[in-house]
Protein backbone atom coordinates (compact mmCIF):
# COMPACT_ATOMS: atom_id res chain seq x y z
CA MET A 1 -54.63 48.52 -7.21
CA VAL A 2 -51.83 51.09 -7.44
CA ARG A 3 -52.19 54.00 -5.00
CA GLY A 4 -53.39 57.13 -6.82
CA GLN A 5 -54.63 55.13 -9.80
CA LYS A 6 -57.85 56.55 -11.27
CA LYS A 7 -60.96 54.49 -10.48
CA PHE A 8 -63.72 53.97 -13.05
CA VAL A 9 -67.09 52.25 -13.24
CA ALA A 10 -68.02 51.53 -16.86
CA TYR A 11 -71.59 51.68 -18.17
CA TYR A 12 -72.49 50.30 -21.60
CA ARG A 13 -75.85 50.63 -23.32
CA VAL A 14 -77.33 49.46 -26.61
CA SER A 15 -80.76 50.40 -27.88
CA THR A 16 -82.12 47.12 -29.23
CA ASP A 17 -82.40 43.51 -28.13
CA LYS A 18 -80.67 42.47 -31.36
CA GLN A 19 -77.64 44.61 -30.53
CA GLY A 20 -77.57 43.25 -27.00
CA VAL A 21 -77.66 39.59 -28.09
CA ARG A 22 -75.12 39.97 -30.86
CA GLY A 23 -72.88 42.35 -28.96
CA LEU A 24 -73.08 44.93 -31.74
CA GLY A 25 -72.23 48.37 -30.44
CA MET A 26 -71.32 46.99 -27.02
CA GLU A 27 -67.93 45.76 -28.22
CA ALA A 28 -67.14 49.11 -29.80
CA GLN A 29 -68.07 50.90 -26.57
CA ALA A 30 -65.92 48.53 -24.51
CA SER A 31 -62.98 49.13 -26.82
CA CYS A 32 -63.30 52.92 -26.42
CA VAL A 33 -63.61 52.60 -22.65
CA GLU A 34 -60.59 50.32 -22.31
CA ALA A 35 -58.43 52.63 -24.46
CA PHE A 36 -59.54 55.67 -22.43
CA VAL A 37 -58.78 53.99 -19.10
CA ALA A 38 -55.36 52.84 -20.31
CA SER A 39 -54.46 56.34 -21.51
CA HIS A 40 -55.42 57.80 -18.12
CA ASP A 41 -53.54 55.21 -16.03
CA GLY A 42 -56.81 54.01 -14.55
CA ARG A 43 -58.63 50.83 -13.71
CA ILE A 44 -62.20 49.63 -14.25
CA LEU A 45 -63.49 48.37 -10.90
CA ALA A 46 -66.95 47.39 -12.13
CA SER A 47 -68.94 47.41 -15.36
CA PHE A 48 -72.65 47.31 -16.15
CA LYS A 49 -74.34 46.50 -19.45
CA GLU A 50 -77.87 47.43 -20.38
CA VAL A 51 -80.16 46.89 -23.35
CA GLU A 52 -82.63 49.74 -23.11
CA SER A 53 -84.37 52.39 -25.14
CA GLY A 54 -82.81 55.85 -24.93
CA LYS A 55 -86.31 57.29 -24.56
CA ARG A 56 -86.74 55.74 -21.11
CA ASN A 57 -85.31 56.91 -17.81
CA ASP A 58 -85.87 53.75 -15.76
CA ARG A 59 -82.58 52.01 -16.46
CA PRO A 60 -81.85 49.52 -13.66
CA GLU A 61 -78.27 48.78 -14.75
CA LEU A 62 -77.50 52.49 -14.89
CA ASP A 63 -78.89 52.87 -11.38
CA LYS A 64 -76.56 50.07 -10.27
CA ALA A 65 -73.62 51.77 -12.01
CA LEU A 66 -74.37 55.06 -10.26
CA ALA A 67 -74.72 53.32 -6.90
CA ARG A 68 -71.44 51.46 -7.38
CA SER A 69 -69.67 54.67 -8.44
CA ARG A 70 -70.85 56.40 -5.27
CA ALA A 71 -69.81 53.45 -3.12
CA LEU A 72 -66.35 53.29 -4.66
CA GLY A 73 -65.79 57.02 -5.06
CA ALA A 74 -65.19 56.22 -8.74
CA THR A 75 -65.90 58.06 -11.99
CA LEU A 76 -68.76 56.83 -14.18
CA LEU A 77 -67.31 56.23 -17.66
CA ILE A 78 -69.38 56.03 -20.85
CA ALA A 79 -68.14 55.51 -24.41
CA LYS A 80 -70.44 57.93 -26.25
CA LEU A 81 -72.27 60.99 -24.98
CA ASP A 82 -75.30 60.37 -27.21
CA ARG A 83 -75.98 57.22 -25.21
CA LEU A 84 -77.09 59.42 -22.30
CA SER A 85 -77.95 62.87 -23.62
CA ARG A 86 -81.23 62.31 -25.45
CA ASP A 87 -83.54 63.09 -22.55
CA ALA A 88 -83.50 66.33 -20.56
CA LEU A 89 -85.05 64.70 -17.50
CA PHE A 90 -82.32 62.09 -17.49
CA LEU A 91 -79.64 64.80 -17.56
CA LEU A 92 -81.12 66.33 -14.43
CA THR A 93 -81.21 62.91 -12.79
CA LEU A 94 -77.55 62.33 -13.65
CA GLN A 95 -76.63 65.80 -12.40
CA LYS A 96 -78.18 65.05 -9.02
CA ALA A 97 -76.62 61.59 -8.75
CA ASN A 98 -73.51 62.96 -7.00
CA VAL A 99 -71.24 60.96 -9.30
CA ASP A 100 -68.32 62.18 -11.42
CA PHE A 101 -68.98 61.51 -15.09
CA VAL A 102 -66.87 61.43 -18.25
CA CYS A 103 -67.34 60.33 -21.87
CA CYS A 104 -64.63 58.78 -24.04
CA ASP A 105 -65.66 60.65 -27.19
CA MET A 106 -65.91 63.99 -25.31
CA PRO A 107 -63.45 63.93 -22.39
CA ASP A 108 -64.51 67.42 -21.28
CA ALA A 109 -68.16 66.34 -21.08
CA ASN A 110 -68.17 65.66 -17.35
CA ASN A 111 -70.65 66.56 -14.61
CA PHE A 112 -70.12 70.26 -15.34
CA THR A 113 -71.13 69.84 -18.98
CA VAL A 114 -74.11 67.73 -18.03
CA GLY A 115 -75.08 70.45 -15.56
CA ILE A 116 -75.04 73.04 -18.37
CA MET A 117 -77.23 70.79 -20.51
CA ALA A 118 -79.58 70.33 -17.58
CA LEU A 119 -79.72 74.10 -16.99
CA MET A 120 -80.61 74.63 -20.64
CA ALA A 121 -83.38 72.08 -20.33
CA GLN A 122 -84.53 73.74 -17.11
CA HIS A 123 -84.49 77.14 -18.84
CA GLU A 124 -86.77 75.81 -21.55
CA ARG A 125 -89.19 74.41 -18.95
CA GLU A 126 -89.19 77.76 -17.16
CA ALA A 127 -89.89 79.52 -20.45
CA ILE A 128 -92.86 77.20 -20.99
CA SER A 129 -94.02 77.91 -17.43
CA THR A 130 -93.74 81.65 -18.03
CA ARG A 131 -95.80 81.41 -21.21
CA THR A 132 -98.40 79.40 -19.30
CA ARG A 133 -98.55 82.01 -16.49
CA ASP A 134 -98.89 84.80 -19.04
CA ALA A 135 -101.77 82.98 -20.71
CA LEU A 136 -103.48 82.44 -17.34
CA ALA A 137 -103.01 86.11 -16.49
CA VAL A 138 -104.82 87.07 -19.67
CA VAL A 139 -107.71 84.73 -18.82
CA LYS A 140 -107.93 86.06 -15.25
CA GLN A 141 -108.03 89.59 -16.57
CA ARG A 142 -110.94 88.65 -18.78
CA VAL A 143 -112.68 87.12 -15.77
CA ALA A 144 -112.14 90.32 -13.80
CA ILE A 145 -113.71 92.32 -16.61
CA HIS A 146 -116.49 90.00 -17.75
CA GLY A 147 -117.15 87.84 -14.69
CA GLN A 148 -116.61 84.21 -13.68
CA LYS A 149 -119.70 82.87 -15.44
CA LYS A 150 -118.33 83.80 -18.86
CA HIS A 151 -115.06 81.98 -18.10
CA PRO A 152 -115.94 78.82 -16.13
CA GLU A 153 -112.63 77.26 -17.16
CA VAL A 154 -110.81 79.40 -14.56
CA LYS A 155 -110.61 77.61 -11.22
CA ARG A 156 -109.65 79.06 -7.87
CA LEU A 157 -106.32 77.65 -6.70
CA GLY A 158 -104.69 77.34 -3.26
CA ASN A 159 -106.12 77.61 0.23
CA PRO A 160 -108.89 80.25 0.20
CA ASN A 161 -108.25 80.96 3.89
CA GLY A 162 -104.55 81.72 3.36
CA ALA A 163 -102.52 82.15 6.58
CA ARG A 164 -105.65 81.94 8.71
CA ALA A 165 -105.52 78.16 8.29
CA LEU A 166 -102.14 78.12 10.05
CA GLN A 167 -103.41 80.41 12.81
CA ARG A 168 -106.21 77.96 13.56
CA ASP A 169 -103.76 75.01 13.62
CA PRO A 170 -100.22 76.03 14.76
CA SER A 171 -99.05 72.42 14.42
CA LYS A 172 -98.92 72.95 10.68
CA LEU A 173 -95.98 75.31 11.20
CA LYS A 174 -93.89 72.23 12.05
CA LEU A 175 -94.60 70.65 8.66
CA GLY A 176 -91.52 72.17 7.01
CA TYR A 177 -89.26 70.80 9.74
CA LYS A 178 -90.81 67.35 9.50
CA ARG A 179 -90.32 67.34 5.75
CA ALA A 180 -86.67 68.29 6.13
CA VAL A 181 -86.11 65.43 8.59
CA ALA A 182 -87.89 63.04 6.23
CA ALA A 183 -85.69 64.19 3.35
CA ASN A 184 -82.51 63.49 5.35
CA GLN A 185 -83.78 60.06 6.31
CA SER A 186 -84.66 59.36 2.69
CA ARG A 187 -81.12 60.22 1.56
CA ALA A 188 -79.66 57.94 4.22
CA VAL A 189 -81.87 55.08 3.06
CA ALA A 190 -80.91 55.73 -0.57
CA ARG A 191 -77.20 55.46 0.24
CA ALA A 192 -77.86 52.29 2.23
CA ASN A 193 -79.71 50.85 -0.76
CA ASP A 194 -76.61 51.53 -2.86
CA LEU A 195 -74.70 49.26 -0.48
CA ALA A 196 -77.29 46.47 -0.27
CA PRO A 197 -76.26 44.57 -3.44
CA ILE A 198 -72.60 44.89 -2.45
CA LEU A 199 -73.29 43.35 0.97
CA ALA A 200 -75.22 40.59 -0.80
CA GLU A 201 -72.14 39.87 -2.92
CA LEU A 202 -69.99 39.65 0.20
CA ARG A 203 -72.41 37.24 1.89
CA ALA A 204 -72.38 35.09 -1.27
CA GLU A 205 -68.58 34.92 -0.88
CA GLY A 206 -68.97 33.71 2.69
CA ILE A 207 -68.17 37.07 4.29
CA VAL A 208 -71.04 37.37 6.74
CA SER A 209 -69.95 39.09 9.95
CA ALA A 210 -70.12 42.88 10.22
CA ASN A 211 -66.42 43.08 11.09
CA ALA A 212 -65.43 40.95 8.11
CA GLN A 213 -67.70 42.92 5.79
CA ALA A 214 -66.26 46.23 7.01
CA LYS A 215 -62.74 44.92 6.38
CA ALA A 216 -63.69 43.71 2.89
CA LEU A 217 -65.35 47.01 2.01
CA ASN A 218 -62.26 48.95 3.06
CA GLU A 219 -59.92 46.60 1.18
CA ARG A 220 -62.04 46.97 -1.97
CA GLN A 221 -62.04 50.77 -1.60
CA TYR A 222 -65.74 51.28 -0.96
CA LEU A 223 -66.50 54.50 0.88
CA THR A 224 -69.01 55.26 3.61
CA PRO A 225 -71.67 57.87 2.76
CA ARG A 226 -69.40 60.46 4.40
CA GLY A 227 -66.33 59.29 2.52
CA GLY A 228 -64.68 57.51 5.44
CA ARG A 229 -63.70 53.95 6.34
CA TRP A 230 -66.19 51.26 7.24
CA THR A 231 -66.63 49.89 10.74
CA ALA A 232 -68.80 47.05 11.96
CA ARG A 233 -71.30 49.57 13.34
CA SER A 234 -71.55 51.54 10.09
CA VAL A 235 -72.13 48.29 8.18
CA ILE A 236 -74.90 47.29 10.60
CA ASN A 237 -76.52 50.72 10.35
CA ALA A 238 -76.47 50.63 6.55
CA ALA A 239 -77.90 47.10 6.50
CA GLU A 240 -80.73 48.10 8.86
CA ARG A 241 -81.61 51.15 6.74
CA SER A 242 -81.80 49.09 3.56
CA ALA A 243 -83.81 46.25 5.13
CA PRO A 244 -87.29 45.89 3.57
């Protein structure tokens, strides 16, 4: 690969089994992607194809494409924006994937654009939440005036003892710290899981030692979670984190 050449991971999706078997739609997407890459002096390092409904968010091939993009430090490339923009929850997932993103039919529709779409979706959810709180406030006011018995649908929420529960058990004050540590560990495991299928590919090629795998990862331009070069130790650590 030429130094400075743009790196891409392509993701193709069709909505029906018939399209997937016949290649309808997939070929058109591939043509758009190839033309885009050629015009930007880039190279497709990996590609993933999926036959899946746009109404679902559990897309295993897309997860693989995101993981490979992170590992390679590459841009996720999709032919048409409408293949990914039909679900607000999915937009938020893509925004948090820590992967650069671009569409052939809308070159400016990158992570920033997706973030705007996600914010709009978030704004709508917050508006719904506000309307719900306002409705609950009205009901609580009625309870205050007429009494609980006339409004049994209103339940008491939260810990009735408030901060006194923490005073009785100071160990609970450490809960926030423990959760933060758990979150960091979870992120480390997630990045290691991104690498697991890549290590499996290397082993299938006969590259089994940690030193050889580190060399292969560096030669193929995979990045460590911190964006550095692989060593035997970092390969071993990643493999241990992803072990079942």
